[in-house]
Amino acid sequence: MDIIQLVDNMSEEMYLRLKCAAETGKWPEGTSVDKEQQLSAVQITMAYQSKHLDSDQTLSIGPRGEMIIKTKSELRSDFPVAKDSNDIARFSDL
């Protein structure tokens, strides 16, 4: 089975397990992964993300495997502008 078939048939649960292994070097239950397993997990995670997830992050992997990097102005256009531009967040009744 090639990586495309693997990603096409992979469950979200498996993706999350591989993502954890890629990011932390450990399986969710705490067992360490070796370097080769971690590199494979990174590749499979990236392939899954490009195939199944839409991302609003600055750097992401597109559906054809290309890196997508958004500029500051592109990111601004993706998010609504606050009414008062001096507000970062507003909390009441804390």
Protein backbone atom coordinates (compact mmCIF):
# COMPACT_ATOMS: atom_id res chain seq x y z
CA MET A 1 0.00 0.00 0.00
CA ASP A 2 1.43 3.40 -0.93
CA ILE A 3 1.12 6.54 1.21
CA ILE A 4 -1.81 7.92 -0.82
CA GLN A 5 -3.88 4.77 -0.28
CA LEU A 6 -2.89 4.77 3.38
CA VAL A 7 -4.04 8.37 3.84
CA ASP A 8 -7.26 7.79 1.89
CA ASN A 9 -8.21 4.93 4.22
CA MET A 10 -6.86 6.31 7.49
CA SER A 11 -9.24 7.21 10.33
CA GLU A 12 -9.07 10.53 12.15
CA GLU A 13 -8.17 8.63 15.32
CA MET A 14 -5.10 7.14 13.62
CA TYR A 15 -4.16 10.55 12.24
CA LEU A 16 -4.27 12.02 15.75
CA ARG A 17 -2.10 9.18 17.10
CA LEU A 18 0.46 9.71 14.34
CA LYS A 19 0.37 13.47 14.84
CA CYS A 20 1.14 12.98 18.54
CA ALA A 21 4.04 10.66 17.65
CA ALA A 22 5.38 13.14 15.10
CA GLU A 23 5.17 16.13 17.47
CA THR A 24 6.30 14.56 20.76
CA GLY A 25 8.26 11.45 19.82
CA LYS A 26 5.83 9.37 21.89
CA TRP A 27 2.58 7.54 21.29
CA PRO A 28 -0.42 8.97 23.17
CA GLU A 29 -0.04 6.31 25.90
CA GLY A 30 3.57 7.42 26.49
CA THR A 31 5.61 4.76 24.65
CA SER A 32 8.60 6.25 22.84
CA VAL A 33 8.90 6.01 19.06
CA ASP A 34 12.26 5.57 17.35
CA LYS A 35 13.60 8.19 14.94
CA GLU A 36 12.52 6.25 11.82
CA GLN A 37 8.96 5.87 13.16
CA GLN A 38 8.84 9.58 13.99
CA LEU A 39 9.97 10.56 10.49
CA SER A 40 7.35 8.26 8.95
CA ALA A 41 4.71 9.74 11.26
CA VAL A 42 5.66 13.26 10.10
CA GLN A 43 5.34 12.27 6.43
CA ILE A 44 2.00 10.52 6.91
CA THR A 45 0.66 13.38 9.05
CA MET A 46 1.59 15.93 6.39
CA ALA A 47 -0.01 13.81 3.67
CA TYR A 48 -3.21 13.43 5.73
CA GLN A 49 -3.36 17.17 6.41
CA SER A 50 -2.94 18.02 2.74
CA LYS A 51 -5.64 15.55 1.71
CA HIS A 52 -8.27 16.00 4.43
CA LEU A 53 -7.81 19.25 6.37
CA ASP A 54 -8.38 22.87 5.44
CA SER A 55 -5.95 25.02 7.36
CA ASP A 56 -5.93 28.67 8.35
CA GLN A 57 -2.35 28.52 9.58
CA THR A 58 0.42 30.68 8.11
CA LEU A 59 2.26 27.63 6.79
CA SER A 60 0.38 24.55 5.63
CA ILE A 61 0.58 21.78 3.07
CA GLY A 62 -1.81 22.09 0.13
CA PRO A 63 -3.80 19.31 -1.52
CA ARG A 64 -1.05 18.63 -4.08
CA GLY A 65 1.68 18.49 -1.43
CA GLU A 66 2.93 22.03 -1.99
CA MET A 67 3.79 24.37 0.89
CA ILE A 68 1.36 27.24 1.27
CA ILE A 69 2.70 30.32 3.03
CA LYS A 70 0.36 33.25 3.59
CA THR A 71 1.50 36.83 3.86
CA LYS A 72 0.47 39.10 6.72
CA SER A 73 -2.12 40.85 4.52
CA GLU A 74 -3.58 37.51 3.39
CA LEU A 75 -3.94 36.42 7.01
CA ARG A 76 -5.61 39.73 7.89
CA SER A 77 -8.16 39.21 5.12
CA ASP A 78 -8.97 35.74 6.51
CA PHE A 79 -10.00 37.11 9.93
CA PRO A 80 -12.61 39.77 10.73
CA VAL A 81 -11.40 43.11 12.06
CA ALA A 82 -12.51 44.11 15.57
CA LYS A 83 -14.79 47.15 15.82
CA ASP A 84 -12.31 48.90 18.10
CA SER A 85 -8.86 48.19 16.68
CA ASN A 86 -7.28 48.75 20.13
CA ASP A 87 -9.15 45.76 21.60
CA ILE A 88 -7.43 42.41 21.63
CA ALA A 89 -10.05 40.72 23.77
CA ARG A 90 -12.93 41.89 25.92
CA PHE A 91 -13.87 40.14 29.17
CA SER A 92 -16.76 41.01 31.47
CA ASP A 93 -17.91 39.76 34.86
CA LEU A 94 -14.68 37.99 35.76
